[in-house]
Amino acid sequence: MFPKQSEEVLKDKRRLIWACRRGMLELDVLFEPFVKEAYDELSEEQKAVFRRLVTCDDPDLFAWFMGHKECPDEELKGMVDFMLSRVKV
């Protein structure tokens, strides 16, 4: 059984899940499952980086996740790489 989460955490997580709804299916299939399955395991610093990643523009995110461009921000690049390493093929 999973530990019960506080209402405040759940509210924040619901907002985050909503923010992860992108205009591109390719990004939706990466972001939404990551928040539901892995976000709680992140450190507070990693959560802050992830929240910053969510604010990036879809074309940039798509290019970074698909390997068309390298993310210029090292922290964001690390989160992109981490998320890609968790993708189940």
C-alpha atoms as a PDB file:
ATOM      1  CA  MET A   1       0.000   0.000   0.000  1.00  0.00           C
ATOM      2  CA  PHE A   2       1.242   3.479  -0.843  1.00  0.00           C
ATOM      3  CA  PRO A   3       1.694   5.992   1.967  1.00  0.00           C
ATOM      4  CA  LYS A   4      -1.143   8.501   2.208  1.00  0.00           C
ATOM      5  CA  GLN A   5      -0.229  11.876   0.762  1.00  0.00           C
ATOM      6  CA  SER A   6      -1.330  15.172   2.236  1.00  0.00           C
ATOM      7  CA  GLU A   7      -4.102  17.131   0.554  1.00  0.00           C
ATOM      8  CA  GLU A   8      -1.653  19.970  -0.210  1.00  0.00           C
ATOM      9  CA  VAL A   9       0.717  17.602  -2.016  1.00  0.00           C
ATOM     10  CA  LEU A  10      -2.159  16.087  -3.963  1.00  0.00           C
ATOM     11  CA  LYS A  11      -3.432  19.531  -4.984  1.00  0.00           C
ATOM     12  CA  ASP A  12       0.033  20.448  -6.197  1.00  0.00           C
ATOM     13  CA  LYS A  13       0.350  17.143  -8.031  1.00  0.00           C
ATOM     14  CA  ARG A  14      -3.047  17.590  -9.709  1.00  0.00           C
ATOM     15  CA  ARG A  15      -1.957  21.042 -10.890  1.00  0.00           C
ATOM     16  CA  LEU A  16       1.298  19.593 -12.128  1.00  0.00           C
ATOM     17  CA  ILE A  17      -0.485  16.816 -14.030  1.00  0.00           C
ATOM     18  CA  TRP A  18      -2.686  19.480 -15.628  1.00  0.00           C
ATOM     19  CA  ALA A  19       0.404  21.533 -16.563  1.00  0.00           C
ATOM     20  CA  CYS A  20       1.907  18.433 -18.165  1.00  0.00           C
ATOM     21  CA  ARG A  21      -0.933  18.216 -20.664  1.00  0.00           C
ATOM     22  CA  ARG A  22       0.798  19.450 -23.772  1.00  0.00           C
ATOM     23  CA  GLY A  23      -0.337  20.173 -27.287  1.00  0.00           C
ATOM     24  CA  MET A  24       1.618  17.191 -28.605  1.00  0.00           C
ATOM     25  CA  LEU A  25       0.844  13.538 -27.975  1.00  0.00           C
ATOM     26  CA  GLU A  26       4.559  12.701 -28.047  1.00  0.00           C
ATOM     27  CA  LEU A  27       5.082  14.924 -25.003  1.00  0.00           C
ATOM     28  CA  ASP A  28       1.904  13.830 -23.221  1.00  0.00           C
ATOM     29  CA  VAL A  29       3.050  10.206 -23.213  1.00  0.00           C
ATOM     30  CA  LEU A  30       6.307  11.269 -21.545  1.00  0.00           C
ATOM     31  CA  PHE A  31       5.139  13.852 -19.021  1.00  0.00           C
ATOM     32  CA  GLU A  32       1.880  12.517 -17.591  1.00  0.00           C
ATOM     33  CA  PRO A  33       3.118   8.996 -16.734  1.00  0.00           C
ATOM     34  CA  PHE A  34       6.328  10.462 -15.305  1.00  0.00           C
ATOM     35  CA  VAL A  35       4.397  12.659 -12.878  1.00  0.00           C
ATOM     36  CA  LYS A  36       2.111   9.804 -11.846  1.00  0.00           C
ATOM     37  CA  GLU A  37       4.849   7.175 -11.491  1.00  0.00           C
ATOM     38  CA  ALA A  38       8.132   8.925 -10.659  1.00  0.00           C
ATOM     39  CA  TYR A  39       7.600  12.491  -9.451  1.00  0.00           C
ATOM     40  CA  ASP A  40       7.143  11.534  -5.788  1.00  0.00           C
ATOM     41  CA  GLU A  41      10.542   9.807  -5.785  1.00  0.00           C
ATOM     42  CA  LEU A  42      12.408  12.961  -6.847  1.00  0.00           C
ATOM     43  CA  SER A  43      14.335  15.116  -4.418  1.00  0.00           C
ATOM     44  CA  GLU A  44      13.008  18.634  -3.803  1.00  0.00           C
ATOM     45  CA  GLU A  45      15.744  19.996  -6.078  1.00  0.00           C
ATOM     46  CA  GLN A  46      14.785  17.586  -8.864  1.00  0.00           C
ATOM     47  CA  LYS A  47      11.110  18.495  -8.442  1.00  0.00           C
ATOM     48  CA  ALA A  48      12.003  22.169  -8.877  1.00  0.00           C
ATOM     49  CA  VAL A  49      13.926  21.368 -12.071  1.00  0.00           C
ATOM     50  CA  PHE A  50      10.989  19.306 -13.369  1.00  0.00           C
ATOM     51  CA  ARG A  51       8.544  22.139 -12.648  1.00  0.00           C
ATOM     52  CA  ARG A  52      10.847  24.494 -14.559  1.00  0.00           C
ATOM     53  CA  LEU A  53      10.982  22.005 -17.459  1.00  0.00           C
ATOM     54  CA  VAL A  54       7.179  21.992 -17.634  1.00  0.00           C
ATOM     55  CA  THR A  55       7.218  25.750 -18.294  1.00  0.00           C
ATOM     56  CA  CYS A  56       9.309  25.366 -21.461  1.00  0.00           C
ATOM     57  CA  ASP A  57       7.768  25.714 -24.916  1.00  0.00           C
ATOM     58  CA  ASP A  58       6.491  22.590 -26.649  1.00  0.00           C
ATOM     59  CA  PRO A  59       8.713  22.929 -29.753  1.00  0.00           C
ATOM     60  CA  ASP A  60      11.825  23.073 -27.527  1.00  0.00           C
ATOM     61  CA  LEU A  61      10.660  20.150 -25.395  1.00  0.00           C
ATOM     62  CA  PHE A  62       9.889  18.094 -28.494  1.00  0.00           C
ATOM     63  CA  ALA A  63      13.327  18.820 -29.976  1.00  0.00           C
ATOM     64  CA  TRP A  64      15.095  17.902 -26.714  1.00  0.00           C
ATOM     65  CA  PHE A  65      13.159  14.692 -26.088  1.00  0.00           C
ATOM     66  CA  MET A  66      13.392  13.522 -29.691  1.00  0.00           C
ATOM     67  CA  GLY A  67      17.119  14.268 -29.829  1.00  0.00           C
ATOM     68  CA  HIS A  68      16.832  16.881 -32.560  1.00  0.00           C
ATOM     69  CA  LYS A  69      18.504  19.522 -30.363  1.00  0.00           C
ATOM     70  CA  GLU A  70      20.457  19.471 -27.132  1.00  0.00           C
ATOM     71  CA  CYS A  71      19.005  21.424 -24.243  1.00  0.00           C
ATOM     72  CA  PRO A  72      21.338  24.345 -23.451  1.00  0.00           C
ATOM     73  CA  ASP A  73      20.478  24.303 -19.725  1.00  0.00           C
ATOM     74  CA  GLU A  74      22.416  21.559 -17.896  1.00  0.00           C
ATOM     75  CA  GLU A  75      19.808  21.028 -15.166  1.00  0.00           C
ATOM     76  CA  LEU A  76      16.974  20.731 -17.677  1.00  0.00           C
ATOM     77  CA  LYS A  77      19.093  18.474 -19.888  1.00  0.00           C
ATOM     78  CA  GLY A  78      19.707  16.220 -16.898  1.00  0.00           C
ATOM     79  CA  MET A  79      15.967  15.969 -16.255  1.00  0.00           C
ATOM     80  CA  VAL A  80      15.262  15.235 -19.925  1.00  0.00           C
ATOM     81  CA  ASP A  81      17.872  12.453 -19.856  1.00  0.00           C
ATOM     82  CA  PHE A  82      16.479  11.095 -16.581  1.00  0.00           C
ATOM     83  CA  MET A  83      12.938  11.038 -17.949  1.00  0.00           C
ATOM     84  CA  LEU A  84      14.057   9.325 -21.137  1.00  0.00           C
ATOM     85  CA  SER A  85      15.892   6.683 -19.112  1.00  0.00           C
ATOM     86  CA  ARG A  86      12.602   5.803 -17.370  1.00  0.00           C
ATOM     87  CA  VAL A  87      10.557   5.390 -20.539  1.00  0.00           C
ATOM     88  CA  LYS A  88       9.263   1.865 -20.935  1.00  0.00           C
ATOM     89  CA  VAL A  89       9.622   0.680 -24.520  1.00  0.00           C
END
